[in-house]
Amino acid sequence: MDIPLYDRDLSWLSFNYRVLCMAKDERVPLYERIRFLSIFSSNLDEFFRVRMPAILAVNRLLQQDPEAAGEEPVSPDTLPAIQQEIDRQQQEFGQILTGTLLPELNKQQVHLYYKETIPPVHDAFLREYFLNRVLAYLQPVWLHSKQHFFLENNTLYLVIALHPNDAPEKEEYAVVNIPSQQLPRFIELDPVDGMYYIATLDDVIRQHVAFLFPYHTIAGCYSIKITRDAEADLKELKGDVLEQVETMIRKRELGIPTRFLYDAAMPQTVLQHLLTYFNIQPGEPVQGGRYHNLKDLADLPMPLKSPALTYGKLPAGRMPMVEQAGRIWDIVMQQDVLLHVPYQRYDPILRFFNEAAADPDVKEIFITLYRIASGSLIANALISAARNGKQVTVFVELKARFDEENNIRWSKKMKDAGVKIVYSIPGLKVHAKIALVKRKQGIRWDYIGLMSTGNFNESTARFYTDHVLITAHPGITRELELVFLYLQTREQPAGYRFMHFQHLMVAQFNLVARFTELIDREIAHAQAGKKAAITIKLNNLQEKQMIAKLCEAAQAGVEVKLIVRSICCLQPDQPGSRGITVTRIVDRFLEHARVFIFHNDGQEEVYLGSADWMNRNLHRRIEVCFPLYDPQLQQQIKEIIRLQLADNTNAVRLDEHIRNVPPPPPAAGTEVNAQTAIHAYVASLYASA
């Protein structure tokens, strides 16, 4: 069977374009539209740090050997297509910002000085601000041939072209850092005639840059930024993993350039000097605008606190049965508890760990931590538990990209408190979100497990949609204990690969095989003339084997509905994929949950988990997917998925080119916005409690 596959990176760019489209959606409040510009910019920066190095490497390989294509569909045309699409999106970004959003800000009596001279009415304030606040952080450097200057990753700089006063025919160059990591990128100015004004730190420096070069005439001032390769080969970590990851973090900031972003207004002579001085290679220069790092737009001040400028409140719901209980433990021993964040408060999870830390009958706590909140209450509870005499074992994934430093900081702090820290497994990332608490009363041991589709992180739980299950199911909790045993010993007992996991699906052991069995069962039902259906929600869909199984199911008559937020390499509406629909939802909350529903001839099975269907997740990580056995909890998940598939406001369908195709405008009164509808539904679950 010919499997219809689409390029991974072009698919991701389609997702990021959907983010950009939210910035031009007039239904979205103004400051939220500006925030979507920030998200788009931040996403693109990460793309250049993480994916572009691989794309450039594959392109060089294909130039040497046109047949050298790996698992993914790659052609020599891919790199130009990616570059063309990025350029198109960047152009649209600029049009949305300058042509729509800044004029809309003006209508709200807020003016951001953007590509314009700041008028003299602000001179006194800005001079004082520059001399008293900014000057302390500026470090001008001359670009002399005898001196090498290293451009730091994603740091903002101004390149200054100067003429010495005593030799005006001579042109010299210097760079000045823009200290946006130490000072606010945007500065509120005094209002004038009811209009509020905002200036960029960049322009404040531009306006006063002559102060740094008293014996020169300023000929030009142009912004630049360099993006460096953030990838690191962590497959063969041995020995002191902590020390090696710390070394990797330092080296990351010294990585090879993947993008040299420069101001389009820069003269060619200045650009050529910079390309030579910084040894910029072909393919790395990218023409940009006057300002870079526009992810900082997320911090744009809001002088007028109008509720119309931001999303209305969707307060997180409570779970009265948990709040009113003496101990969460007592409830969970009687029934499973399923939490839907951010539609519900994360407090039950925090309370569970707090109670476990203080309960004298709790003897052991196990947990995996992938991305730890910077001020993690969960980590502090684990520290208290260890100091209270409990055996606490924490698996910290040191290879969680861009969170390594924070994870290292917390692992050291927990280890100092007596927590047993288990570090990364060579060649694997542990992406599972699982915890296990063991409690002993007399001779009886009780186990409670926590499993989540997202990180145990109270910060991201405010805007990532996830599901967290707390259960005392004896089969599930015993299998969780096996997973933690493996994480600590790295050993696989005889027969461990399949026979011990009857409930959980664990990558590296039975996850791929079990998903394949579930799809095959639906195929068999369809072939027998029975109703057969598969509904799956993922962040990313790329793994070829699983895409092939979904296409096989669709061809057999299985109804296949997919919700894929980001990367989708399955091309719908192709001969091999007829009958498969792919929905994408981008809205105020980041869709993050992974959900798997199999019709099973009317006896539906529902699974949640941490695993996307990517090569890395299925073959190079430890992932855990888990079943929902409680029919009421199954119904909650099915209703949430139903609302997402019914969304006719922010959901789009992906076509064969992975373009975002919006639904027809809904008739008045028939609008369905999944996230607001889910908020109302989840609130109704406990309205009478």
Foldseek 3Di string as FASTA:
>chain_A
DDFFFDAFLVQQLLLLVLLLVCLVDPVAFLLVSLLSLLVSQVVVLVCLQEPLVVVVVVLVVCVVPVVPDDPHDDGNCVVVVNVVSVVVSQVVSVCSVVVPNQVVVVVVLEHEDDPDADDPVQVVVLVCCCVPPPVVPKDKDWLDPVDADDAWAFWKKKKWWKAFLVGRVDITIIIITQPCVVDPQKDWTDHDPSHTYIYGSVNSCVVVVCVVVVRIDTPDIKMKHWHFHQDDPQQADDDPNLVVLVVSVVCSRVHDTSAIEIAPPDDPVVVVVVCVSNVPDPNHYDYHHRDGSSSSSNVVDDPDPDPSNHDDDLQAAEDVVCVVDPANVVVQVVHKDKDKFPLHAPVSVLRNLQCLLVPPQWAEKEWEAEAEALVHSNLVSLLSSVLVPHAYEYEYECVNRPRNVSSSVSVVVSVVSPHHYQYDDRQFTAQWGKMKIWGDDPNDIFMKMKGKQDGPYNVLRNFETIMIMIHRPPLVRVVVVVVVVCSVPVDQPVPNQPDSDPFKQKFVGCNVVVVLVLLVLLLVCLLVVFAWEKEKEAQEADAPVVSQSQLVSVVSPYQYEYEYARGDGRFDPDPSHDRYWYKHFDDRGHHRWIKIWICNRPPIWIKTWHADNDCRRRHRYIIMIGTDDDPVVVVLVVVLVVLRVQAQPGMFIQHRNGNGHHDDDDDPPSHGDSVVVNSVVVNVVVVPD
